[in-house]
C-alpha atoms as a PDB file:
ATOM      1  CA  UNK A   1      -6.437  -7.396  -3.317  1.00  0.00           C
ATOM      2  CA  UNK A   2      -8.638  -4.787  -1.778  1.00  0.00           C
ATOM      3  CA  UNK A   3      -7.580  -1.187  -2.178  1.00  0.00           C
ATOM      4  CA  UNK A   4      -9.105   1.938  -0.793  1.00  0.00           C
ATOM      5  CA  UNK A   5     -10.392   4.818  -2.811  1.00  0.00           C
ATOM      6  CA  UNK A   6      -9.826   8.196  -1.193  1.00  0.00           C
ATOM      7  CA  UNK A   7     -12.300   9.826  -3.576  1.00  0.00           C
ATOM      8  CA  UNK A   8     -15.235   8.196  -1.748  1.00  0.00           C
ATOM      9  CA  UNK A   9     -14.799  10.185   1.444  1.00  0.00           C
ATOM     10  CA  UNK A  10     -13.097  13.382   2.443  1.00  0.00           C
ATOM     11  CA  UNK A  11     -10.736  13.088   5.429  1.00  0.00           C
ATOM     12  CA  UNK A  12     -11.077  15.434   8.368  1.00  0.00           C
ATOM     13  CA  UNK A  13      -8.765  18.450   8.252  1.00  0.00           C
ATOM     14  CA  UNK A  14      -6.492  17.224  11.048  1.00  0.00           C
ATOM     15  CA  UNK A  15      -5.149  14.239   9.084  1.00  0.00           C
ATOM     16  CA  UNK A  16      -2.581  14.197   6.312  1.00  0.00           C
ATOM     17  CA  UNK A  17      -4.657  14.204   3.135  1.00  0.00           C
ATOM     18  CA  UNK A  18      -1.676  14.499   0.792  1.00  0.00           C
ATOM     19  CA  UNK A  19      -0.021  11.362   2.150  1.00  0.00           C
ATOM     20  CA  UNK A  20      -3.349   9.520   2.301  1.00  0.00           C
ATOM     21  CA  UNK A  21      -4.166  10.505  -1.277  1.00  0.00           C
ATOM     22  CA  UNK A  22      -0.703   9.391  -2.436  1.00  0.00           C
ATOM     23  CA  UNK A  23      -1.279   5.989  -0.853  1.00  0.00           C
ATOM     24  CA  UNK A  24      -4.641   5.702  -2.572  1.00  0.00           C
ATOM     25  CA  UNK A  25      -3.031   6.563  -5.918  1.00  0.00           C
ATOM     26  CA  UNK A  26      -0.184   4.089  -5.359  1.00  0.00           C
ATOM     27  CA  UNK A  27      -2.608   1.284  -4.516  1.00  0.00           C
ATOM     28  CA  UNK A  28      -4.864   2.079  -7.456  1.00  0.00           C
ATOM     29  CA  UNK A  29      -1.854   1.970  -9.778  1.00  0.00           C
ATOM     30  CA  UNK A  30      -0.864  -1.378  -8.242  1.00  0.00           C
ATOM     31  CA  UNK A  31      -4.356  -2.752  -8.766  1.00  0.00           C
ATOM     32  CA  UNK A  32      -4.369  -1.643 -12.397  1.00  0.00           C
ATOM     33  CA  UNK A  33      -0.828  -2.898 -13.101  1.00  0.00           C
ATOM     34  CA  UNK A  34      -0.964  -6.294 -11.404  1.00  0.00           C
ATOM     35  CA  UNK A  35      -1.745  -8.673 -14.239  1.00  0.00           C
ATOM     36  CA  UNK A  36      -2.330 -12.376 -14.080  1.00  0.00           C
ATOM     37  CA  UNK A  37       1.337 -13.410 -14.315  1.00  0.00           C
ATOM     38  CA  UNK A  38       3.514 -13.573 -11.223  1.00  0.00           C
ATOM     39  CA  UNK A  39       6.256 -11.550 -12.865  1.00  0.00           C
ATOM     40  CA  UNK A  40       3.869  -8.682 -13.619  1.00  0.00           C
ATOM     41  CA  UNK A  41       2.419  -8.870 -10.133  1.00  0.00           C
ATOM     42  CA  UNK A  42       5.959  -8.751  -8.732  1.00  0.00           C
ATOM     43  CA  UNK A  43       6.789  -5.706 -10.872  1.00  0.00           C
ATOM     44  CA  UNK A  44       3.592  -3.960  -9.767  1.00  0.00           C
ATOM     45  CA  UNK A  45       4.385  -4.722  -6.111  1.00  0.00           C
ATOM     46  CA  UNK A  46       7.913  -3.324  -6.584  1.00  0.00           C
ATOM     47  CA  UNK A  47       6.486  -0.111  -8.014  1.00  0.00           C
ATOM     48  CA  UNK A  48       3.931   0.114  -5.187  1.00  0.00           C
ATOM     49  CA  UNK A  49       6.798  -0.235  -2.710  1.00  0.00           C
ATOM     50  CA  UNK A  50       8.590   2.746  -4.286  1.00  0.00           C
ATOM     51  CA  UNK A  51       5.415   4.844  -4.503  1.00  0.00           C
ATOM     52  CA  UNK A  52       4.553   4.120  -0.882  1.00  0.00           C
ATOM     53  CA  UNK A  53       8.047   5.103   0.249  1.00  0.00           C
ATOM     54  CA  UNK A  54       7.504   8.479  -1.435  1.00  0.00           C
ATOM     55  CA  UNK A  55       4.092   8.811   0.221  1.00  0.00           C
ATOM     56  CA  UNK A  56       5.664   8.101   3.617  1.00  0.00           C
ATOM     57  CA  UNK A  57       7.964  11.090   3.086  1.00  0.00           C
ATOM     58  CA  UNK A  58       4.885  13.364   3.206  1.00  0.00           C
ATOM     59  CA  UNK A  59       3.517  11.839   6.398  1.00  0.00           C
ATOM     60  CA  UNK A  60       4.225  11.965  10.113  1.00  0.00           C
ATOM     61  CA  UNK A  61       3.451   9.911  13.193  1.00  0.00           C
ATOM     62  CA  UNK A  62       1.199   6.875  12.984  1.00  0.00           C
ATOM     63  CA  UNK A  63       0.284   7.580   9.354  1.00  0.00           C
ATOM     64  CA  UNK A  64       3.965   7.574   8.387  1.00  0.00           C
ATOM     65  CA  UNK A  65       4.714   4.361  10.283  1.00  0.00           C
ATOM     66  CA  UNK A  66       1.718   2.596   8.739  1.00  0.00           C
ATOM     67  CA  UNK A  67       2.643   3.709   5.210  1.00  0.00           C
ATOM     68  CA  UNK A  68       6.234   2.632   5.838  1.00  0.00           C
ATOM     69  CA  UNK A  69       5.012  -0.793   6.985  1.00  0.00           C
ATOM     70  CA  UNK A  70       2.896  -1.060   3.828  1.00  0.00           C
ATOM     71  CA  UNK A  71       5.926  -0.187   1.686  1.00  0.00           C
ATOM     72  CA  UNK A  72       7.953  -2.930   3.374  1.00  0.00           C
ATOM     73  CA  UNK A  73       5.098  -5.402   2.914  1.00  0.00           C
ATOM     74  CA  UNK A  74       4.842  -4.611  -0.797  1.00  0.00           C
ATOM     75  CA  UNK A  75       8.594  -5.091  -1.103  1.00  0.00           C
ATOM     76  CA  UNK A  76       8.274  -8.489   0.571  1.00  0.00           C
ATOM     77  CA  UNK A  77       5.335  -9.326  -1.707  1.00  0.00           C
ATOM     78  CA  UNK A  78       7.438  -8.522  -4.765  1.00  0.00           C
ATOM     79  CA  UNK A  79      10.268 -10.729  -3.447  1.00  0.00           C
ATOM     80  CA  UNK A  80       7.925 -13.651  -2.830  1.00  0.00           C
ATOM     81  CA  UNK A  81       6.198 -13.304  -6.195  1.00  0.00           C
ATOM     82  CA  UNK A  82       9.550 -13.125  -7.987  1.00  0.00           C
ATOM     83  CA  UNK A  83      10.877 -16.142  -6.089  1.00  0.00           C
ATOM     84  CA  UNK A  84      13.663 -14.125  -4.463  1.00  0.00           C
ATOM     85  CA  UNK A  85      12.518 -15.307  -1.036  1.00  0.00           C
ATOM     86  CA  UNK A  86      10.459 -18.280   0.023  1.00  0.00           C
ATOM     87  CA  UNK A  87       7.015 -17.970   1.480  1.00  0.00           C
ATOM     88  CA  UNK A  88       3.409 -17.698   0.564  1.00  0.00           C
ATOM     89  CA  UNK A  89       2.496 -14.306  -0.970  1.00  0.00           C
ATOM     90  CA  UNK A  90      -0.959 -14.641   0.588  1.00  0.00           C
ATOM     91  CA  UNK A  91       0.581 -14.277   4.057  1.00  0.00           C
ATOM     92  CA  UNK A  92       1.898 -10.847   3.062  1.00  0.00           C
ATOM     93  CA  UNK A  93      -1.415  -9.910   1.461  1.00  0.00           C
ATOM     94  CA  UNK A  94      -3.121 -10.612   4.793  1.00  0.00           C
ATOM     95  CA  UNK A  95      -0.720  -8.185   6.489  1.00  0.00           C
ATOM     96  CA  UNK A  96      -1.272  -5.591   3.753  1.00  0.00           C
ATOM     97  CA  UNK A  97      -5.044  -5.792   4.204  1.00  0.00           C
ATOM     98  CA  UNK A  98      -4.732  -5.327   7.970  1.00  0.00           C
ATOM     99  CA  UNK A  99      -2.490  -2.288   7.569  1.00  0.00           C
ATOM    100  CA  UNK A 100      -4.793  -0.828   4.920  1.00  0.00           C
ATOM    101  CA  UNK A 101      -7.694  -1.069   7.358  1.00  0.00           C
ATOM    102  CA  UNK A 102      -5.613   0.740   9.991  1.00  0.00           C
ATOM    103  CA  UNK A 103      -4.570   3.413   7.494  1.00  0.00           C
ATOM    104  CA  UNK A 104      -8.156   4.010   6.426  1.00  0.00           C
ATOM    105  CA  UNK A 105      -9.017   4.805  10.039  1.00  0.00           C
ATOM    106  CA  UNK A 106      -5.941   7.000  10.497  1.00  0.00           C
ATOM    107  CA  UNK A 107      -6.760   8.922   7.337  1.00  0.00           C
ATOM    108  CA  UNK A 108     -10.344   9.434   8.443  1.00  0.00           C
ATOM    109  CA  UNK A 109     -11.990   7.206   5.839  1.00  0.00           C
ATOM    110  CA  UNK A 110     -14.809   5.018   7.064  1.00  0.00           C
END
């Protein structure tokens, strides 16, 4: 899974750097925690969901809605990886990648 690294670029002052940085930290933690087993990946996705919900609390407007969508997608990913719901986890990962690309633009990262 591709994650973004907010340390590579500095966002313009008119965006929400705290929320954007929190998302970057949540995704980095997910990347580091997601091991090779499905159960560990599910646990990491669950934690990312919680971390992203907290990040959404610090955001407004389009940034908030995109972070909220990401949180929901990570929740769905954890459900699919744990076998709680049916479906291919890769379908959710595709959605996550698309929303990450949108968030990068919203946060001012190129």
